[in-house]
């Protein structure tokens, strides 16, 4: 019994290609990109062990320093006007709760 040459060729191709597909790695899951903590989050973390007026004072000082740092960054990047205001808000992470 003779096999048609096309069937033989297809069988050989499967024998050669199958191991190649078996060795390929599955696509990697998308890597999670770490989101940088805002300066506000950092201030909250550094004042978490304090209480009362000490906590409020340290939080205000920390947030004021964060705003200055963000302003310096905006100036270095030559951001002015309304975009500067938005940049600083984003940089600091202000959401209206910084006046604790």
N, C-alpha and C. Protein backbone atom coordinates (compact mmCIF):
# COMPACT_ATOMS: atom_id res chain seq x y z
N UNK A 1 0.84 -1.16 0.00
CA UNK A 1 0.00 0.00 0.00
C UNK A 1 0.89 1.23 0.00
N UNK A 2 0.72 2.05 -1.01
CA UNK A 2 1.52 3.26 -1.15
C UNK A 2 0.73 4.47 -0.69
N UNK A 3 1.39 5.31 0.08
CA UNK A 3 0.76 6.56 0.49
C UNK A 3 1.05 7.63 -0.56
N UNK A 4 0.10 8.46 -0.82
CA UNK A 4 0.39 9.56 -1.76
C UNK A 4 1.51 10.43 -1.20
N UNK A 5 2.31 10.97 -2.06
CA UNK A 5 3.47 11.75 -1.63
C UNK A 5 3.07 13.01 -0.86
N UNK A 6 1.90 13.57 -1.13
CA UNK A 6 1.45 14.74 -0.40
C UNK A 6 1.18 14.38 1.06
N UNK A 7 0.63 13.20 1.30
CA UNK A 7 0.34 12.77 2.66
C UNK A 7 1.64 12.53 3.42
N UNK A 8 2.62 11.97 2.76
CA UNK A 8 3.92 11.73 3.39
C UNK A 8 4.57 13.07 3.73
N UNK A 9 4.51 14.01 2.82
CA UNK A 9 5.11 15.33 3.05
C UNK A 9 4.41 16.03 4.20
N UNK A 10 3.09 15.93 4.26
CA UNK A 10 2.34 16.57 5.34
C UNK A 10 2.69 15.94 6.68
N UNK A 11 2.83 14.63 6.71
CA UNK A 11 3.19 13.94 7.95
C UNK A 11 4.57 14.35 8.43
N UNK A 12 5.51 14.44 7.50
CA UNK A 12 6.86 14.87 7.87
C UNK A 12 6.86 16.32 8.38
N UNK A 13 6.07 17.14 7.74
CA UNK A 13 5.99 18.54 8.18
C UNK A 13 5.45 18.62 9.60
N UNK A 14 4.43 17.81 9.90
CA UNK A 14 3.86 17.80 11.25
C UNK A 14 4.89 17.31 12.26
N UNK A 15 5.67 16.32 11.89
CA UNK A 15 6.68 15.78 12.80
C UNK A 15 7.79 16.80 13.07
N UNK A 16 8.05 17.66 12.10
CA UNK A 16 9.10 18.66 12.27
C UNK A 16 8.58 19.90 13.00
N UNK A 17 7.39 20.33 12.66
CA UNK A 17 6.85 21.57 13.20
C UNK A 17 6.29 21.39 14.61
N UNK A 18 5.69 20.26 14.91
CA UNK A 18 5.05 20.06 16.22
C UNK A 18 6.01 20.31 17.38
N UNK A 19 7.23 19.78 17.37
CA UNK A 19 8.13 20.06 18.49
C UNK A 19 8.50 21.55 18.61
N UNK A 20 8.53 22.24 17.49
CA UNK A 20 8.86 23.67 17.53
C UNK A 20 7.76 24.42 18.29
N UNK A 21 6.49 24.12 17.97
CA UNK A 21 5.38 24.77 18.66
C UNK A 21 5.34 24.37 20.13
N UNK A 22 5.71 23.16 20.43
CA UNK A 22 5.69 22.69 21.80
C UNK A 22 6.73 23.41 22.65
N UNK A 23 7.82 23.87 22.02
CA UNK A 23 8.89 24.53 22.76
C UNK A 23 8.67 26.03 22.94
N UNK A 24 7.77 26.60 22.18
CA UNK A 24 7.57 28.03 22.31
C UNK A 24 6.86 28.32 23.62
N UNK A 25 7.26 29.41 24.24
CA UNK A 25 6.66 29.78 25.52
C UNK A 25 5.37 30.54 25.25
N UNK A 26 4.42 30.39 26.14
CA UNK A 26 3.18 31.13 25.97
C UNK A 26 3.45 32.62 26.14
N UNK A 27 2.62 33.46 25.56
CA UNK A 27 2.85 34.89 25.69
C UNK A 27 2.82 35.29 27.16
N UNK A 28 3.75 36.16 27.51
CA UNK A 28 3.85 36.59 28.91
C UNK A 28 2.66 37.47 29.29
N UNK A 29 2.28 37.34 30.53
CA UNK A 29 1.21 38.20 31.04
C UNK A 29 1.72 39.64 31.05
N UNK A 30 0.84 40.59 30.80
CA UNK A 30 1.32 41.97 30.79
C UNK A 30 1.90 42.34 32.14
N UNK A 31 3.09 42.94 32.12
CA UNK A 31 3.76 43.30 33.36
C UNK A 31 3.03 44.47 34.00
N UNK A 32 2.92 44.42 35.29
CA UNK A 32 2.29 45.53 35.98
C UNK A 32 3.31 46.64 36.13
N UNK A 33 2.89 47.82 35.78
CA UNK A 33 3.77 48.97 35.88
C UNK A 33 3.52 49.62 37.22
N UNK A 34 4.57 49.74 38.03
CA UNK A 34 4.35 50.35 39.33
C UNK A 34 3.96 51.82 39.20
N UNK A 35 2.99 52.21 39.96
CA UNK A 35 2.54 53.59 39.94
C UNK A 35 3.28 54.32 41.05
N UNK A 36 3.98 55.38 40.69
CA UNK A 36 4.72 56.08 41.73
C UNK A 36 3.79 56.70 42.76
N UNK A 37 4.16 56.59 44.00
CA UNK A 37 3.36 57.17 45.07
C UNK A 37 3.45 58.69 44.96
N UNK A 38 2.35 59.35 45.18
CA UNK A 38 2.37 60.81 45.17
C UNK A 38 3.07 61.30 46.42
N UNK A 39 3.47 62.53 46.37
CA UNK A 39 4.15 63.10 47.54
C UNK A 39 3.19 63.15 48.73
N UNK A 40 1.91 63.32 48.47
CA UNK A 40 0.92 63.34 49.54
C UNK A 40 0.89 62.00 50.27
N UNK A 41 0.93 60.92 49.50
CA UNK A 41 0.94 59.58 50.09
C UNK A 41 2.18 59.40 50.95
N UNK A 42 3.30 59.92 50.47
CA UNK A 42 4.54 59.83 51.24
C UNK A 42 4.41 60.62 52.55
N UNK A 43 3.80 61.80 52.47
CA UNK A 43 3.60 62.60 53.69
C UNK A 43 2.69 61.88 54.68
N UNK A 44 1.63 61.29 54.16
CA UNK A 44 0.73 60.53 55.04
C UNK A 44 1.46 59.39 55.72
N UNK A 45 2.31 58.72 54.97
CA UNK A 45 3.04 57.58 55.53
C UNK A 45 4.03 58.03 56.61
N UNK A 46 4.66 59.17 56.39
CA UNK A 46 5.67 59.62 57.36
C UNK A 46 5.05 60.19 58.62
N UNK A 47 3.77 60.55 58.56
CA UNK A 47 3.13 61.13 59.75
C UNK A 47 2.15 60.16 60.42
N UNK A 48 2.09 58.94 59.95
CA UNK A 48 1.08 58.02 60.47
C UNK A 48 1.26 57.68 61.94
N UNK A 49 2.48 57.76 62.47
CA UNK A 49 2.70 57.42 63.87
C UNK A 49 2.49 58.60 64.82
N UNK A 50 2.21 59.77 64.24
CA UNK A 50 2.00 60.95 65.07
C UNK A 50 0.51 61.12 65.36
N UNK A 51 0.22 61.94 66.36
CA UNK A 51 -1.18 62.18 66.72
C UNK A 51 -1.41 63.67 66.97
N UNK A 52 -2.64 64.06 66.84
CA UNK A 52 -3.06 65.42 67.20
C UNK A 52 -2.35 66.51 66.42
N UNK A 53 -1.99 67.57 67.17
CA UNK A 53 -1.38 68.75 66.55
C UNK A 53 -0.04 68.42 65.91
N UNK A 54 0.74 67.51 66.52
CA UNK A 54 2.03 67.12 65.92
C UNK A 54 1.82 66.55 64.52
N UNK A 55 0.80 65.73 64.37
CA UNK A 55 0.52 65.12 63.07
C UNK A 55 0.12 66.20 62.05
N UNK A 56 -0.77 67.11 62.47
CA UNK A 56 -1.21 68.18 61.56
C UNK A 56 -0.03 69.06 61.15
N UNK A 57 0.81 69.43 62.13
CA UNK A 57 1.96 70.29 61.83
C UNK A 57 2.92 69.62 60.86
N UNK A 58 3.26 68.37 61.12
CA UNK A 58 4.20 67.66 60.25
C UNK A 58 3.61 67.45 58.85
N UNK A 59 2.31 67.20 58.80
CA UNK A 59 1.65 67.01 57.50
C UNK A 59 1.69 68.30 56.70
N UNK A 60 1.42 69.44 57.36
CA UNK A 60 1.47 70.72 56.66
C UNK A 60 2.88 71.03 56.17
N UNK A 61 3.88 70.78 57.01
CA UNK A 61 5.26 71.02 56.59
C UNK A 61 5.65 70.13 55.41
N UNK A 62 5.29 68.87 55.51
CA UNK A 62 5.62 67.92 54.45
C UNK A 62 4.96 68.32 53.14
N UNK A 63 3.68 68.71 53.19
CA UNK A 63 2.96 69.08 51.97
C UNK A 63 3.51 70.38 51.39
N UNK A 64 3.90 71.31 52.25
CA UNK A 64 4.50 72.56 51.75
C UNK A 64 5.81 72.26 51.03
N UNK A 65 6.62 71.37 51.60
CA UNK A 65 7.88 70.99 50.95
C UNK A 65 7.61 70.26 49.65
N UNK A 66 6.58 69.43 49.63
CA UNK A 66 6.22 68.71 48.40
C UNK A 66 5.82 69.69 47.30
N UNK A 67 5.03 70.72 47.65
CA UNK A 67 4.63 71.72 46.65
C UNK A 67 5.85 72.47 46.12
N UNK A 68 6.79 72.81 47.02
CA UNK A 68 8.01 73.49 46.58
C UNK A 68 8.81 72.60 45.64
N UNK A 69 8.95 71.33 45.99
CA UNK A 69 9.68 70.38 45.14
C UNK A 69 9.03 70.27 43.76
N UNK A 70 7.70 70.20 43.74
CA UNK A 70 6.98 70.09 42.46
C UNK A 70 7.11 71.38 41.65
N UNK A 71 7.08 72.53 42.34
CA UNK A 71 7.26 73.80 41.65
C UNK A 71 8.64 73.87 41.01
N UNK A 72 9.66 73.43 41.74
CA UNK A 72 11.02 73.41 41.18
C UNK A 72 11.08 72.53 39.93
N UNK A 73 10.39 71.39 40.00
CA UNK A 73 10.34 70.48 38.85
C UNK A 73 9.67 71.16 37.66
N UNK A 74 8.57 71.85 37.90
CA UNK A 74 7.85 72.54 36.83
C UNK A 74 8.71 73.63 36.22
N UNK A 75 9.44 74.35 37.05
CA UNK A 75 10.32 75.41 36.55
C UNK A 75 11.44 74.81 35.71
N UNK A 76 12.04 73.72 36.19
CA UNK A 76 13.10 73.05 35.42
C UNK A 76 12.61 72.57 34.07
N UNK A 77 11.34 72.14 34.02
CA UNK A 77 10.77 71.64 32.77
C UNK A 77 10.13 72.76 31.95
N UNK A 78 10.28 74.00 32.43
CA UNK A 78 9.76 75.18 31.73
C UNK A 78 8.25 75.10 31.50
N UNK A 79 7.53 74.64 32.51
CA UNK A 79 6.07 74.58 32.45
C UNK A 79 5.55 75.85 33.11
N UNK A 80 4.65 76.56 32.43
CA UNK A 80 4.14 77.82 32.95
C UNK A 80 2.63 77.90 32.80
N UNK A 81 2.04 78.87 33.51
CA UNK A 81 0.61 79.12 33.39
C UNK A 81 -0.24 78.02 33.98
N UNK A 82 -1.38 77.79 33.33
CA UNK A 82 -2.34 76.78 33.80
C UNK A 82 -1.75 75.37 33.79
N UNK A 83 -0.95 75.01 32.77
CA UNK A 83 -0.33 73.68 32.82
C UNK A 83 0.56 73.48 34.05
N UNK A 84 1.22 74.56 34.50
CA UNK A 84 2.05 74.45 35.71
C UNK A 84 1.19 74.13 36.91
N UNK A 85 0.06 74.82 37.01
CA UNK A 85 -0.86 74.60 38.13
C UNK A 85 -1.33 73.15 38.16
N UNK A 86 -1.70 72.63 36.99
CA UNK A 86 -2.15 71.24 36.90
C UNK A 86 -1.01 70.27 37.19
N UNK A 87 0.19 70.59 36.70
CA UNK A 87 1.35 69.74 36.95
C UNK A 87 1.61 69.62 38.45
N UNK A 88 1.57 70.75 39.15
CA UNK A 88 1.86 70.74 40.58
C UNK A 88 0.80 69.94 41.33
N UNK A 89 -0.47 70.12 40.95
CA UNK A 89 -1.54 69.34 41.60
C UNK A 89 -1.31 67.85 41.40
N UNK A 90 -0.98 67.47 40.18
CA UNK A 90 -0.74 66.06 39.89
C UNK A 90 0.49 65.55 40.62
N UNK A 91 1.55 66.35 40.60
CA UNK A 91 2.82 65.96 41.24
C UNK A 91 2.63 65.75 42.74
N UNK A 92 1.95 66.70 43.38
CA UNK A 92 1.75 66.61 44.83
C UNK A 92 0.76 65.51 45.16
N UNK A 93 -0.23 65.33 44.29
CA UNK A 93 -1.28 64.36 44.57
C UNK A 93 -2.39 64.98 45.38
N UNK A 94 -2.54 66.29 45.22
CA UNK A 94 -3.54 67.03 45.99
C UNK A 94 -4.93 66.60 45.60
N UNK A 95 -5.74 66.36 46.59
CA UNK A 95 -7.15 66.06 46.32
C UNK A 95 -8.03 66.84 47.29
N UNK A 96 -7.50 67.95 47.75
CA UNK A 96 -8.30 68.77 48.66
C UNK A 96 -8.15 68.37 50.12
N UNK A 97 -7.49 67.27 50.41
CA UNK A 97 -7.37 66.80 51.78
C UNK A 97 -6.02 67.12 52.39
N UNK A 98 -5.22 67.96 51.70
CA UNK A 98 -3.89 68.19 52.24
C UNK A 98 -3.88 69.13 53.43
N UNK A 99 -4.95 69.82 53.68
CA UNK A 99 -5.00 70.73 54.81
C UNK A 99 -5.54 70.04 56.04
N UNK A 100 -4.89 69.02 56.51
CA UNK A 100 -5.36 68.28 57.69
C UNK A 100 -4.90 68.94 58.96
